[in-house]
Protein backbone atom coordinates (compact mmCIF):
# COMPACT_ATOMS: atom_id res chain seq x y z
CA MET A 1 -12.25 0.37 -0.75
CA ARG A 2 -15.54 1.17 0.89
CA ILE A 3 -15.83 -1.59 3.71
CA PRO A 4 -19.31 -0.05 6.03
CA GLY A 5 -19.73 -0.97 9.70
CA LEU A 6 -17.53 -0.96 12.49
CA GLY A 7 -13.90 -1.07 12.01
CA GLY A 8 -14.51 -0.08 8.36
CA TRP A 9 -11.05 1.82 7.22
CA SER A 10 -13.30 5.16 6.44
CA THR A 11 -14.07 5.70 10.18
CA ASP A 12 -9.60 4.87 10.67
CA PRO A 13 -9.81 1.44 12.70
CA LEU A 14 -7.55 1.01 16.07
CA TRP A 15 -5.98 -0.92 14.13
CA ALA A 16 -4.04 1.66 11.89
CA PRO A 17 -2.32 3.37 14.52
CA VAL A 18 -1.03 0.13 15.56
CA TYR A 19 0.27 -1.16 12.55
CA ASP A 20 1.86 2.80 11.96
CA TRP A 21 3.49 2.14 15.61
CA THR A 22 4.55 -1.58 14.22
CA VAL A 23 6.13 -0.50 10.94
CA GLU A 24 7.94 2.73 12.61
CA HIS A 25 9.77 0.77 15.51
CA PRO A 26 11.40 -2.11 13.43
CA ARG A 27 13.10 -3.84 16.62
CA THR A 28 10.09 -4.04 18.28
CA GLY A 29 7.55 -4.05 15.43
CA GLY A 30 9.96 -7.01 13.83
CA LEU A 31 9.70 -8.74 16.70
CA LEU A 32 5.74 -8.58 16.03
CA TRP A 33 5.87 -9.45 12.39
CA ALA A 34 8.26 -12.27 13.04
CA MET A 35 5.54 -13.88 15.60
CA GLY A 36 1.94 -12.86 14.61
CA LEU A 37 2.60 -12.93 10.48
CA GLN A 38 5.74 -14.75 10.40
CA SER A 39 6.78 -11.91 7.61
CA ASP A 40 9.91 -10.43 7.71
CA LEU A 41 9.23 -6.43 8.16
CA ARG A 42 12.42 -4.82 5.95
CA LEU A 43 10.77 -6.42 3.13
CA LEU A 44 8.59 -3.42 3.25
CA TYR A 45 11.14 -1.23 4.42
CA ALA A 46 13.36 -2.42 1.15
CA SER A 47 10.21 -1.92 -1.36
CA ALA A 48 9.75 1.71 0.09
CA GLU A 49 13.72 2.63 -1.27
CA GLU A 50 12.24 2.20 -4.50
CA ILE A 51 10.62 5.89 -3.70
CA GLY A 52 14.28 6.63 -2.73
CA ARG A 53 15.17 6.14 -6.01
CA LEU A 54 13.49 8.48 -8.36
CA ARG A 55 14.81 11.77 -10.01
CA ALA A 56 13.27 14.96 -9.28
CA GLY A 57 10.13 15.94 -10.99
CA ALA A 58 8.79 12.25 -10.94
CA ARG A 59 5.05 11.83 -9.54
CA VAL A 60 4.73 9.02 -6.89
CA LEU A 61 1.14 7.70 -5.67
CA ASP A 62 0.44 6.47 -2.54
CA VAL A 63 -2.85 4.35 -1.96
CA PRO A 64 -3.92 4.17 0.68
CA CYS A 65 -1.38 5.83 2.24
CA GLY A 66 -2.68 4.97 5.99
CA GLY A 67 -0.74 6.53 8.50
CA GLY A 68 2.43 7.55 6.08
CA VAL A 69 4.55 4.10 6.75
CA ALA A 70 5.51 4.77 2.78
CA LEU A 71 7.41 7.76 3.46
CA ARG A 72 10.45 6.67 5.03
CA GLY A 73 11.53 6.24 1.52
CA LEU A 74 10.91 9.61 0.40
CA ARG A 75 14.22 11.86 0.98
CA ALA A 76 13.93 15.29 2.28
CA GLY A 77 15.40 17.51 -0.96
CA GLN A 78 14.15 14.92 -3.30
CA GLY A 79 12.02 17.16 -5.32
CA LEU A 80 9.17 14.57 -5.98
CA ASP A 81 5.40 15.65 -6.44
CA TYR A 82 4.12 12.67 -3.54
CA VAL A 83 0.51 12.05 -3.52
CA ALA A 84 -1.28 10.28 -0.75
CA VAL A 85 -4.66 9.29 -1.41
CA ASP A 86 -6.98 7.31 1.42
CA ILE A 87 -10.59 7.14 2.17
CA ALA A 88 -10.07 8.15 5.45
CA PRO A 89 -9.23 11.99 6.44
CA THR A 90 -8.16 10.79 9.47
CA MET A 91 -5.36 8.75 8.36
CA LEU A 92 -3.74 11.40 5.68
CA ALA A 93 -3.74 13.90 8.73
CA ARG A 94 -1.45 11.54 10.34
CA ALA A 95 -0.07 11.12 7.04
CA ALA A 96 0.69 14.67 6.78
CA ALA A 97 1.98 14.45 10.18
CA ALA A 98 4.75 11.49 9.38
CA ALA A 99 5.82 14.10 6.50
CA VAL A 100 6.35 16.77 8.43
CA ARG A 101 8.05 15.08 11.15
CA LEU A 102 10.42 13.59 8.39
CA GLY A 103 10.88 17.20 6.60
CA VAL A 104 9.06 15.89 3.38
CA GLU A 105 5.81 18.20 3.79
CA ASP A 106 7.01 20.58 0.72
CA GLN A 107 7.05 17.07 -1.30
CA VAL A 108 3.88 15.85 0.13
CA THR A 109 0.10 16.15 -0.59
CA THR A 110 -2.99 14.49 0.31
CA ARG A 111 -6.07 13.92 -1.10
CA VAL A 112 -9.52 11.99 0.13
CA ALA A 113 -10.49 9.40 -3.01
CA ASP A 114 -11.52 6.04 -3.61
CA VAL A 115 -8.67 4.00 -5.17
CA ALA A 116 -12.01 2.05 -7.24
CA ALA A 117 -12.27 5.69 -9.18
CA LEU A 118 -9.07 7.37 -8.71
CA PRO A 119 -9.29 11.37 -9.86
CA PHE A 120 -6.32 11.19 -11.80
CA ASP A 121 -5.43 11.25 -15.84
CA ASP A 122 -3.90 7.94 -16.86
CA GLU A 123 -0.67 7.68 -17.39
CA SER A 124 0.03 10.93 -14.51
CA PHE A 125 2.28 8.70 -12.36
CA ASP A 126 5.57 6.92 -12.18
CA LEU A 127 5.47 5.47 -8.81
CA VAL A 128 2.21 3.75 -7.40
CA VAL A 129 3.38 2.21 -4.19
CA SER A 130 0.26 0.09 -2.03
CA PHE A 131 1.15 -0.90 0.45
CA THR A 132 -0.83 -3.62 3.01
CA GLY A 133 -3.95 -2.38 0.31
CA LEU A 134 -5.02 -5.01 -1.80
CA HIS A 135 -6.66 -7.28 1.20
CA CYS A 136 -8.60 -4.07 2.65
CA PHE A 137 -10.19 -3.13 -0.55
CA ALA A 138 -13.88 -4.72 -1.67
CA ASP A 139 -12.50 -5.44 -5.81
CA PRO A 140 -8.85 -5.82 -5.41
CA ALA A 141 -9.36 -6.28 -9.44
CA GLN A 142 -10.64 -3.14 -9.60
CA ALA A 143 -8.25 -1.68 -7.77
CA VAL A 144 -5.30 -3.30 -9.92
CA ILE A 145 -7.03 -1.68 -12.71
CA GLU A 146 -7.10 2.35 -11.53
CA MET A 147 -3.79 1.70 -9.88
CA VAL A 148 -2.18 0.41 -13.44
CA ARG A 149 -4.42 3.07 -15.48
CA VAL A 150 -2.69 6.15 -13.95
CA LEU A 151 0.76 4.87 -14.01
CA ARG A 152 2.84 6.19 -16.64
CA PRO A 153 4.50 3.72 -19.30
CA GLY A 154 8.01 2.73 -17.85
CA GLY A 155 6.35 3.74 -14.63
CA VAL A 156 6.42 0.87 -11.97
CA VAL A 157 3.86 -0.40 -9.14
CA THR A 158 5.01 -2.37 -5.97
CA GLY A 159 3.31 -2.83 -2.77
CA SER A 160 2.28 -5.91 -0.03
CA ALA A 161 -0.98 -7.71 0.25
CA ILE A 162 -2.07 -10.25 2.70
CA PHE A 163 -3.14 -13.06 0.30
CA ASN A 164 -5.53 -15.99 0.66
CA ASP A 165 -3.35 -18.59 -0.11
CA THR A 166 -0.27 -17.81 2.30
CA GLY A 167 -0.91 -21.16 4.25
CA LEU A 168 -4.17 -22.14 6.36
CA ARG A 169 -2.32 -20.87 10.03
CA PHE A 170 -3.43 -17.73 8.79
CA GLU A 171 -7.20 -18.39 8.16
CA PRO A 172 -8.67 -17.46 11.91
CA MET A 173 -6.57 -13.93 11.25
CA ARG A 174 -8.04 -13.28 8.06
CA ARG A 175 -11.94 -14.37 9.12
CA GLY A 176 -10.83 -12.02 12.04
CA GLY A 177 -10.34 -9.45 9.65
CA ARG A 178 -13.55 -9.63 7.18
CA LEU A 179 -15.47 -9.79 10.66
CA ALA A 180 -14.17 -6.81 12.19
CA ASN A 181 -14.28 -5.30 8.42
CA LEU A 182 -10.77 -4.87 8.34
CA LEU A 183 -10.38 -7.51 5.32
CA GLY A 184 -11.98 -7.14 2.14
CA PRO A 185 -12.51 -10.14 0.48
CA GLY A 186 -8.70 -10.68 -0.47
CA CYS A 187 -7.03 -12.28 -3.35
CA ARG A 188 -4.19 -14.90 -4.29
CA VAL A 189 -1.27 -14.78 -5.67
CA ASP A 190 -1.77 -15.80 -9.05
CA ASP A 191 -5.01 -13.39 -9.26
CA VAL A 192 -2.36 -10.70 -8.81
CA ARG A 193 0.22 -12.19 -10.98
CA ARG A 194 -2.77 -12.05 -13.24
CA TRP A 195 -4.55 -8.95 -12.62
CA LEU A 196 -1.09 -6.97 -13.74
CA THR A 197 -0.44 -9.03 -16.67
CA ARG A 198 -3.56 -8.41 -18.08
CA GLN A 199 -3.53 -4.58 -17.27
CA GLY A 200 0.43 -4.75 -19.85
CA MET A 201 2.51 -5.18 -16.89
CA GLY A 202 5.67 -7.04 -17.24
CA ASP A 203 8.50 -7.95 -15.22
CA VAL A 204 5.45 -9.19 -12.71
CA THR A 205 7.39 -10.31 -9.55
CA VAL A 206 4.97 -11.50 -6.04
CA ASP A 207 7.52 -12.77 -3.04
CA ARG A 208 5.66 -14.52 -0.20
CA SER A 209 7.06 -13.52 3.38
CA GLY A 210 4.60 -15.30 5.33
CA ALA A 211 1.22 -14.41 5.68
CA ILE A 212 2.48 -11.56 3.54
CA GLY A 213 3.27 -11.36 -0.35
CA TYR A 214 5.08 -8.13 -1.83
CA PHE A 215 4.44 -7.50 -5.73
CA ARG A 216 6.04 -5.52 -8.48
CA GLY A 217 5.69 -5.41 -11.63
CA VAL A 218 6.52 -2.47 -15.06
CA LYS A 219 4.15 -0.88 -17.41
CA ARG A 220 5.19 -2.20 -21.01
């Protein structure tokens, strides 16, 4: 997850608040996503809604939480234990501010941590969300291992990523992202399916939308 150098996520690059802004402004952001990524932003919103379907007392891990875009799925008074994790303290500060703005701050705690070595016990979360994260990690396979490790049997991992096999038209974007230290090595759709399955996940799906794919699996 630690990608050193100019633009690396540990330094909270300029792209981070831009991404947050596009997600929080559905009309303009949706247009930008459609033009730049050829992706439907509404799919991110639909994936985040899984958070709002959890019962009181459930635990959620959001990694990387960034500026807290997934918090849109959390309902006020829902009674969840929502742990937002990132390597950048400034991103965590924005996520905490977003929680206050949405009226869910009583359910949210923030923590600096690396997805490659999560500081949580095995089987300690009911849901792990990782939106637009795998393509940023230095070792996405290890990230999947850790996310599944902390998930309870019957729990769900869901998220999204820019995949390496979503078309040559997106290759300049992927190459530019790596040069700016915004993107890691990335992975292919079949890689994520294989990694999740090997870690004991069932009902694995990956749905593509332009440059982005949305994945989900249930721990057996």
